[in-house]
N, C-alpha and C. Protein backbone atom coordinates (compact mmCIF):
# COMPACT_ATOMS: atom_id res chain seq x y z
N MET A 1 0.85 -1.18 0.00
CA MET A 1 0.00 0.00 0.00
C MET A 1 0.89 1.24 0.00
N ALA A 2 0.51 2.24 -0.75
CA ALA A 2 1.28 3.48 -0.80
C ALA A 2 1.23 4.16 0.56
N LYS A 3 2.37 4.60 1.03
CA LYS A 3 2.42 5.23 2.34
C LYS A 3 1.92 6.66 2.25
N ASN A 4 1.08 7.04 3.18
CA ASN A 4 0.56 8.40 3.28
C ASN A 4 -0.10 8.90 2.00
N LEU A 5 -0.95 8.08 1.43
CA LEU A 5 -1.73 8.48 0.27
C LEU A 5 -2.64 9.66 0.66
N VAL A 6 -3.15 9.62 1.88
CA VAL A 6 -4.01 10.68 2.41
C VAL A 6 -3.24 11.39 3.51
N SER A 7 -3.11 12.71 3.41
CA SER A 7 -2.39 13.45 4.45
C SER A 7 -3.39 14.16 5.37
N ILE A 8 -2.98 14.33 6.60
CA ILE A 8 -3.80 15.00 7.61
C ILE A 8 -3.16 16.35 7.89
N GLU A 9 -3.99 17.39 7.83
CA GLU A 9 -3.50 18.75 8.07
C GLU A 9 -4.30 19.39 9.18
N ALA A 10 -3.64 20.23 9.96
CA ALA A 10 -4.32 21.06 10.95
C ALA A 10 -4.45 22.45 10.36
N VAL A 11 -5.68 22.89 10.17
CA VAL A 11 -5.94 24.22 9.62
C VAL A 11 -6.33 25.10 10.80
N ASN A 12 -5.60 26.19 10.96
CA ASN A 12 -5.69 27.05 12.15
C ASN A 12 -6.99 27.01 12.91
N ASP A 13 -7.99 27.71 12.46
CA ASP A 13 -9.23 27.81 13.22
C ASP A 13 -10.31 26.84 12.72
N ARG A 14 -9.99 26.02 11.74
CA ARG A 14 -10.99 25.11 11.18
C ARG A 14 -10.80 23.67 11.61
N GLY A 15 -9.74 23.36 12.30
CA GLY A 15 -9.53 22.00 12.75
C GLY A 15 -8.80 21.14 11.74
N LEU A 16 -9.07 19.85 11.77
CA LEU A 16 -8.36 18.88 10.93
C LEU A 16 -9.03 18.69 9.58
N ARG A 17 -8.20 18.43 8.57
CA ARG A 17 -8.74 18.09 7.26
C ARG A 17 -7.82 17.06 6.60
N LEU A 18 -8.40 16.34 5.66
CA LEU A 18 -7.67 15.33 4.89
C LEU A 18 -7.49 15.84 3.47
N ARG A 19 -6.32 15.51 2.88
CA ARG A 19 -6.05 15.90 1.48
C ARG A 19 -5.43 14.71 0.77
N TRP A 20 -5.85 14.50 -0.50
CA TRP A 20 -5.30 13.41 -1.30
C TRP A 20 -5.63 13.63 -2.76
N GLN A 21 -5.05 12.80 -3.61
CA GLN A 21 -5.34 12.84 -5.03
C GLN A 21 -5.88 11.50 -5.47
N TYR A 22 -6.81 11.56 -6.43
CA TYR A 22 -7.38 10.33 -6.99
C TYR A 22 -7.83 10.63 -8.41
N GLY A 23 -7.41 9.82 -9.34
CA GLY A 23 -7.83 10.00 -10.74
C GLY A 23 -7.44 11.34 -11.31
N GLY A 24 -6.31 11.87 -10.87
CA GLY A 24 -5.85 13.16 -11.39
C GLY A 24 -6.53 14.36 -10.76
N LYS A 25 -7.41 14.14 -9.80
CA LYS A 25 -8.09 15.25 -9.11
C LYS A 25 -7.62 15.33 -7.67
N ARG A 26 -7.61 16.53 -7.14
CA ARG A 26 -7.28 16.73 -5.73
C ARG A 26 -8.56 16.75 -4.92
N PHE A 27 -8.50 16.12 -3.76
CA PHE A 27 -9.65 16.07 -2.87
C PHE A 27 -9.25 16.63 -1.51
N CYS A 28 -10.20 17.25 -0.85
CA CYS A 28 -10.00 17.81 0.47
C CYS A 28 -11.27 17.55 1.27
N LEU A 29 -11.13 17.07 2.49
CA LEU A 29 -12.29 16.79 3.33
C LEU A 29 -12.03 17.31 4.73
N ALA A 30 -12.83 18.27 5.14
CA ALA A 30 -12.72 18.79 6.51
C ALA A 30 -13.34 17.77 7.46
N ILE A 31 -12.59 17.43 8.49
CA ILE A 31 -13.08 16.48 9.48
C ILE A 31 -14.06 17.17 10.43
N GLY A 32 -13.86 18.47 10.66
CA GLY A 32 -14.76 19.22 11.52
C GLY A 32 -14.46 19.05 12.99
N LEU A 33 -13.25 18.61 13.31
CA LEU A 33 -12.85 18.42 14.70
C LEU A 33 -11.57 19.20 14.96
N PRO A 34 -11.43 19.75 16.18
CA PRO A 34 -10.18 20.46 16.49
C PRO A 34 -9.00 19.50 16.55
N ASP A 35 -7.81 20.05 16.48
CA ASP A 35 -6.58 19.25 16.47
C ASP A 35 -6.21 18.80 17.88
N THR A 36 -6.67 17.61 18.25
CA THR A 36 -6.30 16.99 19.52
C THR A 36 -5.79 15.58 19.22
N LEU A 37 -5.18 14.95 20.21
CA LEU A 37 -4.65 13.61 20.01
C LEU A 37 -5.77 12.63 19.64
N THR A 38 -6.89 12.70 20.33
CA THR A 38 -8.02 11.80 20.05
C THR A 38 -8.57 12.05 18.65
N ASN A 39 -8.74 13.32 18.30
CA ASN A 39 -9.30 13.66 16.99
C ASN A 39 -8.33 13.31 15.86
N ARG A 40 -7.04 13.35 16.13
CA ARG A 40 -6.05 12.90 15.14
C ARG A 40 -6.24 11.41 14.86
N THR A 41 -6.54 10.65 15.90
CA THR A 41 -6.79 9.22 15.72
C THR A 41 -8.00 8.99 14.84
N VAL A 42 -9.05 9.78 15.05
CA VAL A 42 -10.25 9.70 14.22
C VAL A 42 -9.90 10.04 12.77
N ALA A 43 -9.12 11.10 12.58
CA ALA A 43 -8.72 11.51 11.23
C ALA A 43 -7.87 10.44 10.56
N GLU A 44 -6.98 9.82 11.32
CA GLU A 44 -6.15 8.74 10.77
C GLU A 44 -6.99 7.55 10.32
N ALA A 45 -8.02 7.23 11.10
CA ALA A 45 -8.91 6.13 10.73
C ALA A 45 -9.64 6.45 9.42
N LYS A 46 -10.11 7.69 9.28
CA LYS A 46 -10.78 8.10 8.04
C LYS A 46 -9.79 8.06 6.87
N ALA A 47 -8.57 8.51 7.12
CA ALA A 47 -7.55 8.50 6.07
C ALA A 47 -7.28 7.07 5.60
N ARG A 48 -7.17 6.12 6.53
CA ARG A 48 -6.93 4.72 6.17
C ARG A 48 -8.12 4.15 5.39
N GLN A 49 -9.34 4.55 5.78
CA GLN A 49 -10.53 4.08 5.07
C GLN A 49 -10.50 4.58 3.62
N ILE A 50 -10.15 5.83 3.43
CA ILE A 50 -10.07 6.39 2.08
C ILE A 50 -8.99 5.66 1.27
N GLU A 51 -7.83 5.45 1.89
CA GLU A 51 -6.74 4.75 1.21
C GLU A 51 -7.16 3.35 0.77
N LEU A 52 -7.81 2.63 1.66
CA LEU A 52 -8.26 1.27 1.33
C LEU A 52 -9.28 1.28 0.20
N ASP A 53 -10.20 2.25 0.23
CA ASP A 53 -11.21 2.34 -0.82
C ASP A 53 -10.58 2.69 -2.17
N VAL A 54 -9.59 3.58 -2.16
CA VAL A 54 -8.89 3.92 -3.40
C VAL A 54 -8.20 2.69 -3.96
N LEU A 55 -7.48 1.98 -3.10
CA LEU A 55 -6.72 0.82 -3.56
C LEU A 55 -7.60 -0.34 -3.99
N SER A 56 -8.78 -0.46 -3.38
CA SER A 56 -9.68 -1.56 -3.72
C SER A 56 -10.67 -1.21 -4.83
N GLY A 57 -10.65 0.05 -5.28
CA GLY A 57 -11.54 0.46 -6.35
C GLY A 57 -12.95 0.79 -5.89
N HIS A 58 -13.12 1.08 -4.60
CA HIS A 58 -14.44 1.40 -4.05
C HIS A 58 -14.53 2.84 -3.55
N PHE A 59 -13.73 3.72 -4.11
CA PHE A 59 -13.70 5.11 -3.67
C PHE A 59 -15.01 5.80 -3.98
N ASP A 60 -15.56 6.53 -3.01
CA ASP A 60 -16.82 7.27 -3.16
C ASP A 60 -16.50 8.71 -3.57
N LEU A 61 -16.72 9.03 -4.84
CA LEU A 61 -16.40 10.36 -5.36
C LEU A 61 -17.22 11.47 -4.69
N THR A 62 -18.37 11.14 -4.12
CA THR A 62 -19.18 12.15 -3.44
C THR A 62 -18.62 12.49 -2.06
N LEU A 63 -17.78 11.64 -1.54
CA LEU A 63 -17.15 11.75 -0.22
C LEU A 63 -18.13 11.54 0.94
N ASP A 64 -19.38 11.24 0.65
CA ASP A 64 -20.37 11.03 1.70
C ASP A 64 -19.97 9.90 2.65
N ARG A 65 -19.36 8.90 2.11
CA ARG A 65 -18.97 7.74 2.91
C ARG A 65 -17.92 8.10 3.97
N TYR A 66 -17.20 9.18 3.76
CA TYR A 66 -16.08 9.53 4.63
C TYR A 66 -16.39 10.67 5.60
N ARG A 67 -17.52 11.29 5.44
CA ARG A 67 -17.88 12.40 6.33
C ARG A 67 -18.32 11.85 7.69
N LEU A 68 -17.94 12.57 8.74
CA LEU A 68 -18.40 12.20 10.07
C LEU A 68 -19.84 12.67 10.21
N GLN A 69 -20.67 11.84 10.77
CA GLN A 69 -22.08 12.19 10.94
C GLN A 69 -22.43 12.14 12.41
N SER A 70 -23.27 13.07 12.81
CA SER A 70 -23.74 13.02 14.19
C SER A 70 -24.70 11.85 14.34
N THR A 71 -24.92 11.45 15.54
CA THR A 71 -25.83 10.34 15.82
C THR A 71 -27.23 10.65 15.30
N ILE A 72 -27.67 11.90 15.45
CA ILE A 72 -29.00 12.28 14.98
C ILE A 72 -29.08 12.14 13.46
N GLU A 73 -28.05 12.62 12.75
CA GLU A 73 -28.05 12.50 11.28
C GLU A 73 -28.08 11.04 10.85
N GLN A 74 -27.33 10.20 11.55
CA GLN A 74 -27.31 8.78 11.21
C GLN A 74 -28.69 8.16 11.41
N ARG A 75 -29.36 8.52 12.49
CA ARG A 75 -30.68 7.95 12.76
C ARG A 75 -31.72 8.47 11.78
N VAL A 76 -31.60 9.75 11.42
CA VAL A 76 -32.54 10.31 10.45
C VAL A 76 -32.37 9.61 9.11
N ARG A 77 -31.13 9.39 8.70
CA ARG A 77 -30.88 8.71 7.44
C ARG A 77 -31.32 7.26 7.48
N SER A 78 -31.36 6.67 8.68
CA SER A 78 -31.75 5.27 8.78
C SER A 78 -33.27 5.11 8.84
N GLY A 79 -34.03 6.20 8.79
CA GLY A 79 -35.47 6.11 8.74
C GLY A 79 -36.17 6.28 10.08
N VAL A 80 -35.46 6.62 11.13
CA VAL A 80 -36.08 6.86 12.43
C VAL A 80 -36.69 8.25 12.41
N THR A 81 -37.95 8.36 12.81
CA THR A 81 -38.61 9.66 12.80
C THR A 81 -38.27 10.45 14.06
N VAL A 82 -38.53 11.74 14.03
CA VAL A 82 -38.25 12.62 15.17
C VAL A 82 -39.02 12.14 16.42
N PRO A 83 -40.32 11.84 16.32
CA PRO A 83 -41.02 11.36 17.52
C PRO A 83 -40.43 10.06 18.08
N GLU A 84 -40.01 9.15 17.19
CA GLU A 84 -39.40 7.90 17.67
C GLU A 84 -38.10 8.19 18.41
N LEU A 85 -37.32 9.09 17.87
CA LEU A 85 -36.06 9.45 18.49
C LEU A 85 -36.30 10.15 19.83
N PHE A 86 -37.29 11.05 19.88
CA PHE A 86 -37.60 11.74 21.12
C PHE A 86 -38.17 10.77 22.15
N ASN A 87 -38.94 9.79 21.70
CA ASN A 87 -39.47 8.78 22.61
C ASN A 87 -38.33 7.98 23.25
N LYS A 88 -37.31 7.66 22.47
CA LYS A 88 -36.14 6.97 23.02
C LYS A 88 -35.45 7.84 24.07
N PHE A 89 -35.41 9.15 23.80
CA PHE A 89 -34.83 10.08 24.77
C PHE A 89 -35.64 10.06 26.07
N ILE A 90 -36.96 10.09 25.96
CA ILE A 90 -37.82 10.06 27.15
C ILE A 90 -37.59 8.79 27.95
N LEU A 91 -37.56 7.66 27.26
CA LEU A 91 -37.34 6.38 27.94
C LEU A 91 -35.98 6.35 28.65
N GLU A 92 -35.00 6.95 28.01
CA GLU A 92 -33.65 6.99 28.59
C GLU A 92 -33.61 7.86 29.84
N ARG A 93 -34.36 8.94 29.84
CA ARG A 93 -34.31 9.92 30.94
C ARG A 93 -35.35 9.70 32.02
N GLN A 94 -36.31 8.82 31.84
CA GLN A 94 -37.45 8.73 32.74
C GLN A 94 -37.09 8.47 34.20
N ASN A 95 -35.98 7.81 34.46
CA ASN A 95 -35.60 7.53 35.85
C ASN A 95 -34.72 8.62 36.45
N ASP A 96 -34.33 9.60 35.64
CA ASP A 96 -33.40 10.63 36.10
C ASP A 96 -34.02 12.02 36.23
N VAL A 97 -35.29 12.17 35.87
CA VAL A 97 -35.91 13.49 35.92
C VAL A 97 -37.16 13.46 36.80
N TYR A 98 -37.60 14.65 37.16
CA TYR A 98 -38.82 14.78 37.96
C TYR A 98 -40.04 14.37 37.14
N ALA A 99 -41.08 13.95 37.84
CA ALA A 99 -42.32 13.54 37.18
C ALA A 99 -42.89 14.69 36.34
N ARG A 100 -42.78 15.91 36.83
CA ARG A 100 -43.28 17.07 36.10
C ARG A 100 -42.54 17.24 34.76
N SER A 101 -41.24 16.99 34.78
CA SER A 101 -40.46 17.08 33.55
C SER A 101 -40.93 16.03 32.55
N LEU A 102 -41.22 14.83 33.04
CA LEU A 102 -41.72 13.76 32.16
C LEU A 102 -43.04 14.15 31.52
N GLU A 103 -43.89 14.81 32.32
CA GLU A 103 -45.18 15.27 31.77
C GLU A 103 -44.95 16.28 30.65
N LYS A 104 -44.00 17.19 30.85
CA LYS A 104 -43.69 18.19 29.82
C LYS A 104 -43.13 17.51 28.57
N TYR A 105 -42.27 16.50 28.76
CA TYR A 105 -41.72 15.76 27.63
C TYR A 105 -42.85 15.10 26.83
N LYS A 106 -43.82 14.54 27.54
CA LYS A 106 -44.91 13.84 26.86
C LYS A 106 -45.81 14.81 26.09
N VAL A 107 -46.01 15.99 26.63
CA VAL A 107 -46.78 17.02 25.92
C VAL A 107 -46.02 17.43 24.65
N LEU A 108 -44.73 17.62 24.79
CA LEU A 108 -43.91 17.95 23.62
C LEU A 108 -43.93 16.82 22.61
N MET A 109 -43.91 15.59 23.09
CA MET A 109 -43.96 14.42 22.22
C MET A 109 -45.25 14.43 21.40
N LYS A 110 -46.35 14.75 22.04
CA LYS A 110 -47.63 14.80 21.33
C LYS A 110 -47.61 15.89 20.26
N SER A 111 -47.04 17.05 20.60
CA SER A 111 -46.94 18.15 19.63
C SER A 111 -46.07 17.76 18.45
N LEU A 112 -44.96 17.09 18.74
CA LEU A 112 -44.08 16.63 17.67
C LEU A 112 -44.79 15.68 16.74
N SER A 113 -45.52 14.74 17.32
CA SER A 113 -46.21 13.74 16.52
C SER A 113 -47.26 14.35 15.59
N GLU A 114 -47.90 15.41 16.08
CA GLU A 114 -48.96 16.04 15.31
C GLU A 114 -48.43 17.06 14.29
N SER A 115 -47.20 17.47 14.42
CA SER A 115 -46.64 18.48 13.51
C SER A 115 -46.03 17.84 12.28
N LEU A 116 -45.66 18.68 11.32
CA LEU A 116 -44.98 18.19 10.14
C LEU A 116 -43.61 17.61 10.47
N LEU A 117 -43.01 18.11 11.54
CA LEU A 117 -41.71 17.60 11.96
C LEU A 117 -41.80 16.14 12.37
N GLY A 118 -42.97 15.73 12.81
CA GLY A 118 -43.17 14.35 13.22
C GLY A 118 -43.02 13.33 12.10
N GLN A 119 -43.08 13.81 10.88
CA GLN A 119 -42.96 12.90 9.73
C GLN A 119 -41.53 12.77 9.23
N LYS A 120 -40.63 13.54 9.80
CA LYS A 120 -39.22 13.54 9.35
C LYS A 120 -38.38 12.59 10.17
């Protein structure tokens, strides 16, 4: 495997980004994380994934496969609706909050379900 096909750069106020070439084109992908030891490890893992995909012929030209996604974005893309996600939140928190807070959560849950946001 070619060494350092994908390079990791720290951009002053923007955090870490990856840079590489493929098919005669230059690519750049902002990781969206500040330059820390832990985040460098995350960037290195993404860089290795890109390198493997390039070498195996499975490179995603849209770069969607390599972008970091928040948990909410991942669940939305997987077909979980906002009310379902909020219901999971309520179930997770039910033993840690006051009964009054749970009542407010349930009222909000009903509003979410009835709104257009409930279908997303």
